[in-house]
C-alpha atoms as a PDB file:
ATOM      1  CA  UNK A   1      14.501  -5.145 -11.746  1.00  0.00           C
ATOM      2  CA  UNK A   2      11.629  -6.298  -9.646  1.00  0.00           C
ATOM      3  CA  UNK A   3      11.206  -9.348  -7.517  1.00  0.00           C
ATOM      4  CA  UNK A   4       8.408 -11.278  -5.665  1.00  0.00           C
ATOM      5  CA  UNK A   5       8.510 -11.678  -1.717  1.00  0.00           C
ATOM      6  CA  UNK A   6      10.509 -15.328  -2.452  1.00  0.00           C
ATOM      7  CA  UNK A   7      13.591 -13.444  -4.097  1.00  0.00           C
ATOM      8  CA  UNK A   8      12.248 -14.900  -7.406  1.00  0.00           C
ATOM      9  CA  UNK A   9      12.860 -12.288 -10.709  1.00  0.00           C
ATOM     10  CA  UNK A  10       9.662 -10.837 -11.826  1.00  0.00           C
ATOM     11  CA  UNK A  11      11.610  -8.729 -14.506  1.00  0.00           C
ATOM     12  CA  UNK A  12      15.021  -7.902 -16.109  1.00  0.00           C
ATOM     13  CA  UNK A  13      16.922  -5.630 -17.377  1.00  0.00           C
ATOM     14  CA  UNK A  14      17.739  -5.499 -21.442  1.00  0.00           C
ATOM     15  CA  UNK A  15      21.652  -6.837 -20.614  1.00  0.00           C
ATOM     16  CA  UNK A  16      21.983  -9.864 -18.172  1.00  0.00           C
ATOM     17  CA  UNK A  17      25.390  -8.891 -17.944  1.00  0.00           C
ATOM     18  CA  UNK A  18      24.363  -5.834 -15.456  1.00  0.00           C
ATOM     19  CA  UNK A  19      22.257  -7.785 -13.109  1.00  0.00           C
ATOM     20  CA  UNK A  20      25.447  -9.572 -12.559  1.00  0.00           C
ATOM     21  CA  UNK A  21      27.640  -6.821 -11.625  1.00  0.00           C
ATOM     22  CA  UNK A  22      27.981  -5.411  -8.027  1.00  0.00           C
ATOM     23  CA  UNK A  23      26.446  -1.510  -7.100  1.00  0.00           C
ATOM     24  CA  UNK A  24      29.514   0.078  -7.209  1.00  0.00           C
ATOM     25  CA  UNK A  25      30.362  -0.518 -10.664  1.00  0.00           C
ATOM     26  CA  UNK A  26      26.974   0.501 -11.992  1.00  0.00           C
ATOM     27  CA  UNK A  27      27.355   4.082 -12.937  1.00  0.00           C
ATOM     28  CA  UNK A  28      24.653   6.642 -12.188  1.00  0.00           C
ATOM     29  CA  UNK A  29      24.014   8.509 -15.024  1.00  0.00           C
ATOM     30  CA  UNK A  30      22.807  11.786 -13.249  1.00  0.00           C
ATOM     31  CA  UNK A  31      24.838  12.280 -10.545  1.00  0.00           C
ATOM     32  CA  UNK A  32      26.484  15.675 -10.258  1.00  0.00           C
ATOM     33  CA  UNK A  33      29.229  17.147  -7.738  1.00  0.00           C
ATOM     34  CA  UNK A  34      26.672  17.315  -4.744  1.00  0.00           C
ATOM     35  CA  UNK A  35      25.185  14.281  -5.655  1.00  0.00           C
ATOM     36  CA  UNK A  36      21.444  13.105  -5.595  1.00  0.00           C
ATOM     37  CA  UNK A  37      19.376  13.166  -2.709  1.00  0.00           C
ATOM     38  CA  UNK A  38      17.520   9.887  -1.651  1.00  0.00           C
ATOM     39  CA  UNK A  39      15.512   9.993   1.396  1.00  0.00           C
ATOM     40  CA  UNK A  40      15.033   6.651   2.946  1.00  0.00           C
ATOM     41  CA  UNK A  41      10.921   6.611   4.754  1.00  0.00           C
ATOM     42  CA  UNK A  42      11.595   3.022   6.424  1.00  0.00           C
ATOM     43  CA  UNK A  43      11.117   2.111  10.446  1.00  0.00           C
ATOM     44  CA  UNK A  44      13.227  -1.173  10.087  1.00  0.00           C
ATOM     45  CA  UNK A  45      16.299   0.712  11.644  1.00  0.00           C
ATOM     46  CA  UNK A  46      18.875  -1.655  10.400  1.00  0.00           C
ATOM     47  CA  UNK A  47      17.637  -2.031   6.977  1.00  0.00           C
ATOM     48  CA  UNK A  48      17.444   2.396   6.511  1.00  0.00           C
ATOM     49  CA  UNK A  49      20.788   3.053   7.975  1.00  0.00           C
ATOM     50  CA  UNK A  50      22.662  -0.007   5.614  1.00  0.00           C
ATOM     51  CA  UNK A  51      21.148   1.773   2.749  1.00  0.00           C
ATOM     52  CA  UNK A  52      22.370   5.125   3.756  1.00  0.00           C
ATOM     53  CA  UNK A  53      25.684   4.189   4.323  1.00  0.00           C
ATOM     54  CA  UNK A  54      25.917   2.493   1.255  1.00  0.00           C
ATOM     55  CA  UNK A  55      24.045   5.232  -0.950  1.00  0.00           C
ATOM     56  CA  UNK A  56      26.292   7.773   0.756  1.00  0.00           C
ATOM     57  CA  UNK A  57      29.174   5.896  -0.483  1.00  0.00           C
ATOM     58  CA  UNK A  58      27.776   5.977  -3.970  1.00  0.00           C
ATOM     59  CA  UNK A  59      27.768   9.814  -3.783  1.00  0.00           C
ATOM     60  CA  UNK A  60      23.734   9.743  -3.128  1.00  0.00           C
ATOM     61  CA  UNK A  61      23.471  12.260  -0.434  1.00  0.00           C
ATOM     62  CA  UNK A  62      21.062   9.705   1.430  1.00  0.00           C
ATOM     63  CA  UNK A  63      19.650  10.257   4.613  1.00  0.00           C
ATOM     64  CA  UNK A  64      16.986   8.704   7.007  1.00  0.00           C
ATOM     65  CA  UNK A  65      13.206  10.536   7.303  1.00  0.00           C
ATOM     66  CA  UNK A  66      12.464  11.368  10.990  1.00  0.00           C
ATOM     67  CA  UNK A  67       9.191   9.049  11.507  1.00  0.00           C
ATOM     68  CA  UNK A  68       6.720  11.949  13.560  1.00  0.00           C
ATOM     69  CA  UNK A  69       3.403  11.813  11.114  1.00  0.00           C
ATOM     70  CA  UNK A  70       2.865  12.223   7.409  1.00  0.00           C
ATOM     71  CA  UNK A  71       2.225  15.822   7.374  1.00  0.00           C
ATOM     72  CA  UNK A  72       5.772  16.614   8.922  1.00  0.00           C
ATOM     73  CA  UNK A  73       7.453  14.148   6.390  1.00  0.00           C
ATOM     74  CA  UNK A  74       5.582  15.746   3.329  1.00  0.00           C
ATOM     75  CA  UNK A  75       7.092  18.828   4.931  1.00  0.00           C
ATOM     76  CA  UNK A  76      10.603  18.031   4.944  1.00  0.00           C
ATOM     77  CA  UNK A  77      10.537  16.775   1.056  1.00  0.00           C
ATOM     78  CA  UNK A  78       8.772  19.956   0.288  1.00  0.00           C
ATOM     79  CA  UNK A  79      12.103  21.651   2.245  1.00  0.00           C
ATOM     80  CA  UNK A  80      15.162  19.483   0.659  1.00  0.00           C
ATOM     81  CA  UNK A  81      13.409  18.010  -2.499  1.00  0.00           C
ATOM     82  CA  UNK A  82      14.906  14.844  -2.617  1.00  0.00           C
ATOM     83  CA  UNK A  83      15.515  13.244  -5.662  1.00  0.00           C
ATOM     84  CA  UNK A  84      14.212   9.969  -4.800  1.00  0.00           C
ATOM     85  CA  UNK A  85      11.711   8.435  -1.938  1.00  0.00           C
ATOM     86  CA  UNK A  86      12.399   4.736  -1.067  1.00  0.00           C
ATOM     87  CA  UNK A  87       9.142   3.976   0.899  1.00  0.00           C
ATOM     88  CA  UNK A  88       7.823   1.454   3.069  1.00  0.00           C
ATOM     89  CA  UNK A  89       4.077   0.288   3.070  1.00  0.00           C
ATOM     90  CA  UNK A  90       4.003  -0.504   6.902  1.00  0.00           C
ATOM     91  CA  UNK A  91       5.460   2.559   8.548  1.00  0.00           C
ATOM     92  CA  UNK A  92       3.222   2.423  12.404  1.00  0.00           C
ATOM     93  CA  UNK A  93       2.764   6.127  13.414  1.00  0.00           C
ATOM     94  CA  UNK A  94       2.543   6.904   9.455  1.00  0.00           C
ATOM     95  CA  UNK A  95      -0.133   4.453   8.735  1.00  0.00           C
ATOM     96  CA  UNK A  96       0.236   2.828   5.164  1.00  0.00           C
ATOM     97  CA  UNK A  97       2.545   4.385   3.214  1.00  0.00           C
ATOM     98  CA  UNK A  98       0.450   3.887  -0.021  1.00  0.00           C
ATOM     99  CA  UNK A  99      -1.173   6.911   0.953  1.00  0.00           C
ATOM    100  CA  UNK A 100       2.263   8.929   0.460  1.00  0.00           C
ATOM    101  CA  UNK A 101       2.887   7.782  -2.896  1.00  0.00           C
ATOM    102  CA  UNK A 102       1.004  10.653  -4.829  1.00  0.00           C
ATOM    103  CA  UNK A 103       2.252  13.531  -2.488  1.00  0.00           C
ATOM    104  CA  UNK A 104       5.609  12.123  -2.313  1.00  0.00           C
ATOM    105  CA  UNK A 105       5.561  11.957  -6.554  1.00  0.00           C
ATOM    106  CA  UNK A 106       3.390  15.743  -6.521  1.00  0.00           C
ATOM    107  CA  UNK A 107       6.004  17.391  -4.904  1.00  0.00           C
ATOM    108  CA  UNK A 108       9.154  15.889  -7.292  1.00  0.00           C
ATOM    109  CA  UNK A 109      10.529  12.700  -5.989  1.00  0.00           C
ATOM    110  CA  UNK A 110      10.750   8.819  -7.553  1.00  0.00           C
ATOM    111  CA  UNK A 111       9.252   7.025  -5.307  1.00  0.00           C
ATOM    112  CA  UNK A 112      10.316   3.227  -4.783  1.00  0.00           C
ATOM    113  CA  UNK A 113       8.442   1.006  -2.987  1.00  0.00           C
ATOM    114  CA  UNK A 114      10.958  -1.569  -0.551  1.00  0.00           C
ATOM    115  CA  UNK A 115       8.256  -3.480   1.082  1.00  0.00           C
ATOM    116  CA  UNK A 116       8.005  -6.770   2.654  1.00  0.00           C
ATOM    117  CA  UNK A 117       3.972  -6.944   1.742  1.00  0.00           C
ATOM    118  CA  UNK A 118       3.209  -9.625  -1.115  1.00  0.00           C
ATOM    119  CA  UNK A 119      -0.103  -8.350  -1.594  1.00  0.00           C
ATOM    120  CA  UNK A 120       0.126  -7.405  -5.250  1.00  0.00           C
ATOM    121  CA  UNK A 121      -3.226  -5.580  -5.459  1.00  0.00           C
ATOM    122  CA  UNK A 122      -1.368  -2.920  -2.578  1.00  0.00           C
ATOM    123  CA  UNK A 123       1.891  -2.830  -4.798  1.00  0.00           C
ATOM    124  CA  UNK A 124      -0.349  -2.223  -7.922  1.00  0.00           C
ATOM    125  CA  UNK A 125      -1.816   0.869  -6.406  1.00  0.00           C
ATOM    126  CA  UNK A 126       1.204   2.242  -5.441  1.00  0.00           C
ATOM    127  CA  UNK A 127       2.440   2.139  -8.936  1.00  0.00           C
ATOM    128  CA  UNK A 128      -1.162   3.196 -10.016  1.00  0.00           C
ATOM    129  CA  UNK A 129      -0.344   6.582  -7.667  1.00  0.00           C
ATOM    130  CA  UNK A 130       2.805   7.453  -9.501  1.00  0.00           C
ATOM    131  CA  UNK A 131       5.937   4.781  -7.837  1.00  0.00           C
ATOM    132  CA  UNK A 132       8.053   3.805 -10.427  1.00  0.00           C
ATOM    133  CA  UNK A 133       8.140   0.476  -9.481  1.00  0.00           C
ATOM    134  CA  UNK A 134       8.555  -1.799  -6.091  1.00  0.00           C
ATOM    135  CA  UNK A 135      11.216  -4.251  -4.755  1.00  0.00           C
ATOM    136  CA  UNK A 136      10.931  -6.348  -1.962  1.00  0.00           C
ATOM    137  CA  UNK A 137      12.880  -6.521   1.594  1.00  0.00           C
ATOM    138  CA  UNK A 138      13.935  -9.855   0.967  1.00  0.00           C
ATOM    139  CA  UNK A 139      15.910  -9.868  -2.268  1.00  0.00           C
ATOM    140  CA  UNK A 140      19.905  -9.653  -1.498  1.00  0.00           C
ATOM    141  CA  UNK A 141      21.319  -5.991  -0.242  1.00  0.00           C
ATOM    142  CA  UNK A 142      23.434  -5.761  -3.572  1.00  0.00           C
ATOM    143  CA  UNK A 143      20.319  -6.351  -6.087  1.00  0.00           C
ATOM    144  CA  UNK A 144      18.187  -4.104  -3.594  1.00  0.00           C
ATOM    145  CA  UNK A 145      21.305  -1.114  -4.199  1.00  0.00           C
ATOM    146  CA  UNK A 146      21.800  -1.799  -7.927  1.00  0.00           C
ATOM    147  CA  UNK A 147      17.634  -0.859  -8.411  1.00  0.00           C
ATOM    148  CA  UNK A 148      17.849   1.967  -6.179  1.00  0.00           C
ATOM    149  CA  UNK A 149      20.742   3.421  -8.226  1.00  0.00           C
ATOM    150  CA  UNK A 150      18.762   2.362 -11.529  1.00  0.00           C
ATOM    151  CA  UNK A 151      15.879   4.767  -9.943  1.00  0.00           C
ATOM    152  CA  UNK A 152      18.535   7.542  -8.977  1.00  0.00           C
ATOM    153  CA  UNK A 153      19.884   7.448 -12.608  1.00  0.00           C
ATOM    154  CA  UNK A 154      16.594   7.312 -14.178  1.00  0.00           C
ATOM    155  CA  UNK A 155      16.451   3.766 -15.431  1.00  0.00           C
ATOM    156  CA  UNK A 156      13.328   2.029 -16.043  1.00  0.00           C
ATOM    157  CA  UNK A 157      12.640  -0.664 -13.496  1.00  0.00           C
ATOM    158  CA  UNK A 158       9.331  -1.656 -14.418  1.00  0.00           C
ATOM    159  CA  UNK A 159       8.333  -2.498 -17.975  1.00  0.00           C
ATOM    160  CA  UNK A 160       5.330  -1.049 -20.159  1.00  0.00           C
ATOM    161  CA  UNK A 161       4.413  -4.971 -20.020  1.00  0.00           C
ATOM    162  CA  UNK A 162       4.143  -5.561 -16.125  1.00  0.00           C
ATOM    163  CA  UNK A 163       2.763  -2.022 -15.769  1.00  0.00           C
ATOM    164  CA  UNK A 164       0.139  -3.118 -17.474  1.00  0.00           C
ATOM    165  CA  UNK A 165      -0.619  -6.436 -15.954  1.00  0.00           C
ATOM    166  CA  UNK A 166      -0.421  -4.913 -12.650  1.00  0.00           C
ATOM    167  CA  UNK A 167      -3.268  -2.114 -14.016  1.00  0.00           C
ATOM    168  CA  UNK A 168      -5.423  -5.031 -14.990  1.00  0.00           C
ATOM    169  CA  UNK A 169      -5.167  -6.839 -12.037  1.00  0.00           C
ATOM    170  CA  UNK A 170      -6.196  -4.056  -9.915  1.00  0.00           C
ATOM    171  CA  UNK A 171      -9.005  -3.158 -11.839  1.00  0.00           C
ATOM    172  CA  UNK A 172     -10.055  -6.974 -12.182  1.00  0.00           C
ATOM    173  CA  UNK A 173      -9.838  -6.879  -8.010  1.00  0.00           C
ATOM    174  CA  UNK A 174     -11.572  -3.481  -7.720  1.00  0.00           C
ATOM    175  CA  UNK A 175     -14.634  -5.083  -9.917  1.00  0.00           C
ATOM    176  CA  UNK A 176     -15.034  -8.154  -7.716  1.00  0.00           C
ATOM    177  CA  UNK A 177     -15.295  -5.916  -4.977  1.00  0.00           C
ATOM    178  CA  UNK A 178     -17.485  -4.010  -6.194  1.00  0.00           C
ATOM    179  CA  UNK A 179     -19.696  -7.010  -6.813  1.00  0.00           C
ATOM    180  CA  UNK A 180     -19.356  -8.259  -3.163  1.00  0.00           C
ATOM    181  CA  UNK A 181     -20.180  -4.980  -1.806  1.00  0.00           C
ATOM    182  CA  UNK A 182     -23.158  -4.491  -3.880  1.00  0.00           C
ATOM    183  CA  UNK A 183     -25.703  -6.358  -1.747  1.00  0.00           C
ATOM    184  CA  UNK A 184     -24.339  -3.902   1.157  1.00  0.00           C
ATOM    185  CA  UNK A 185     -25.276  -0.939  -1.019  1.00  0.00           C
ATOM    186  CA  UNK A 186     -29.174  -1.497  -0.558  1.00  0.00           C
ATOM    187  CA  UNK A 187     -29.500  -1.545   2.537  1.00  0.00           C
ATOM    188  CA  UNK A 188     -31.254   1.058   4.163  1.00  0.00           C
ATOM    189  CA  UNK A 189     -29.262   3.282   6.883  1.00  0.00           C
ATOM    190  CA  UNK A 190     -31.224   1.904   9.467  1.00  0.00           C
ATOM    191  CA  UNK A 191     -30.284  -1.523   8.436  1.00  0.00           C
ATOM    192  CA  UNK A 192     -26.522  -0.782   8.369  1.00  0.00           C
ATOM    193  CA  UNK A 193     -26.778   0.234  12.090  1.00  0.00           C
ATOM    194  CA  UNK A 194     -28.639  -3.095  12.724  1.00  0.00           C
ATOM    195  CA  UNK A 195     -25.981  -5.016  10.651  1.00  0.00           C
ATOM    196  CA  UNK A 196     -23.079  -3.147  12.655  1.00  0.00           C
ATOM    197  CA  UNK A 197     -24.717  -3.541  15.937  1.00  0.00           C
ATOM    198  CA  UNK A 198     -24.785  -7.293  15.145  1.00  0.00           C
ATOM    199  CA  UNK A 199     -20.961  -7.544  14.293  1.00  0.00           C
ATOM    200  CA  UNK A 200     -20.475  -6.257  17.752  1.00  0.00           C
ATOM    201  CA  UNK A 201     -22.303  -9.124  18.971  1.00  0.00           C
ATOM    202  CA  UNK A 202     -25.894  -7.292  20.146  1.00  0.00           C
ATOM    203  CA  UNK A 203     -28.889  -8.854  20.538  1.00  0.00           C
ATOM    204  CA  UNK A 204     -32.188  -7.820  19.131  1.00  0.00           C
ATOM    205  CA  UNK A 205     -33.601  -6.689  22.718  1.00  0.00           C
ATOM    206  CA  UNK A 206     -30.220  -4.703  23.205  1.00  0.00           C
ATOM    207  CA  UNK A 207     -30.340  -3.041  19.827  1.00  0.00           C
ATOM    208  CA  UNK A 208     -34.172  -2.419  20.562  1.00  0.00           C
ATOM    209  CA  UNK A 209     -33.449  -0.801  23.509  1.00  0.00           C
ATOM    210  CA  UNK A 210     -30.584   1.677  22.252  1.00  0.00           C
ATOM    211  CA  UNK A 211     -32.500   3.150  19.419  1.00  0.00           C
ATOM    212  CA  UNK A 212     -35.878   3.006  21.388  1.00  0.00           C
ATOM    213  CA  UNK A 213     -37.758   1.072  18.932  1.00  0.00           C
ATOM    214  CA  UNK A 214     -39.848  -2.396  19.027  1.00  0.00           C
ATOM    215  CA  UNK A 215     -38.069  -5.529  19.527  1.00  0.00           C
ATOM    216  CA  UNK A 216     -40.176  -6.491  16.339  1.00  0.00           C
ATOM    217  CA  UNK A 217     -39.088  -3.708  14.782  1.00  0.00           C
ATOM    218  CA  UNK A 218     -35.456  -4.714  14.732  1.00  0.00           C
ATOM    219  CA  UNK A 219     -36.482  -8.258  13.833  1.00  0.00           C
ATOM    220  CA  UNK A 220     -37.856  -7.117  11.100  1.00  0.00           C
ATOM    221  CA  UNK A 221     -34.956  -5.189  10.057  1.00  0.00           C
ATOM    222  CA  UNK A 222     -33.106  -8.040  10.552  1.00  0.00           C
ATOM    223  CA  UNK A 223     -35.098 -10.375   8.119  1.00  0.00           C
ATOM    224  CA  UNK A 224     -34.728  -7.730   5.527  1.00  0.00           C
ATOM    225  CA  UNK A 225     -30.970  -7.697   5.617  1.00  0.00           C
ATOM    226  CA  UNK A 226     -30.529 -11.615   5.427  1.00  0.00           C
ATOM    227  CA  UNK A 227     -33.123 -11.122   2.300  1.00  0.00           C
ATOM    228  CA  UNK A 228     -31.471  -8.432   0.717  1.00  0.00           C
ATOM    229  CA  UNK A 229     -27.801 -10.351   1.604  1.00  0.00           C
ATOM    230  CA  UNK A 230     -28.959 -13.802   0.325  1.00  0.00           C
ATOM    231  CA  UNK A 231     -27.993 -15.484   3.602  1.00  0.00           C
ATOM    232  CA  UNK A 232     -29.912 -17.588   6.389  1.00  0.00           C
ATOM    233  CA  UNK A 233     -28.470 -16.302  10.096  1.00  0.00           C
ATOM    234  CA  UNK A 234     -27.299 -13.670  11.406  1.00  0.00           C
ATOM    235  CA  UNK A 235     -24.108 -15.414  11.751  1.00  0.00           C
ATOM    236  CA  UNK A 236     -24.205 -15.626   7.993  1.00  0.00           C
ATOM    237  CA  UNK A 237     -24.636 -12.080   7.741  1.00  0.00           C
ATOM    238  CA  UNK A 238     -21.670 -10.842   9.765  1.00  0.00           C
ATOM    239  CA  UNK A 239     -19.358 -13.242   8.606  1.00  0.00           C
ATOM    240  CA  UNK A 240     -19.917 -11.919   4.450  1.00  0.00           C
ATOM    241  CA  UNK A 241     -19.363  -8.381   6.253  1.00  0.00           C
ATOM    242  CA  UNK A 242     -16.540  -9.028   7.323  1.00  0.00           C
ATOM    243  CA  UNK A 243     -15.184 -11.252   4.244  1.00  0.00           C
ATOM    244  CA  UNK A 244     -15.477  -8.662   2.042  1.00  0.00           C
ATOM    245  CA  UNK A 245     -14.268  -6.237   3.955  1.00  0.00           C
ATOM    246  CA  UNK A 246     -17.431  -4.019   4.858  1.00  0.00           C
ATOM    247  CA  UNK A 247     -17.421  -1.263   7.466  1.00  0.00           C
ATOM    248  CA  UNK A 248     -20.605   0.448   7.932  1.00  0.00           C
ATOM    249  CA  UNK A 249     -19.616   4.119   8.664  1.00  0.00           C
ATOM    250  CA  UNK A 250     -21.784   4.147  11.842  1.00  0.00           C
ATOM    251  CA  UNK A 251     -19.865   1.366  13.053  1.00  0.00           C
ATOM    252  CA  UNK A 252     -17.965   3.005  16.700  1.00  0.00           C
END
């Protein structure tokens, strides 16, 4: 079952009676004598430890990952081969958890995203990269455990319908972003550097001095930038660049 950040149900299992049952009463079909290893990749210590205690009580041999860097995490997964990874997306020193989904799945783990984010595009990207589903941190702990145990038992937690909807949303979002960025693709390398400098608050004379060109040349380049972006002022050009998330390669 998947829940939005406000705790509302987005998707249910086939039998609603299963949802009402506590996690302890839900059988975990693929647990064997040694249990199923669950690695919790989460920088919220209280939540991580609570999950480990509850999952160990279910026989899942859970542990909290040591968050040093991505390479160390993946090496640990490669060595221990957990069946399930519970993955947060905002991991501090490890950066964006979205980038970890594919490497973790390639190592054989079933990845369930447990995150506070409400960004559906970001969540859709985790599914695209191989996550079996996602769950909000705001759900009741019993609901979280129930879904985790479903993943451990290899029961589906994301319907085909919802998966298709997410992929369609992702395609639309990417198409819109591509359209927004199209005017910036027409800028020359020098114009990109000029726009980058404007975004850092530099004036035309400063840009000219640093590039060892005339101020007239820089002002001509600025006019070209404004025309290509369809704006009337330097302020509008910079605002547009920030709005669409454009970050020039030459920007420091």
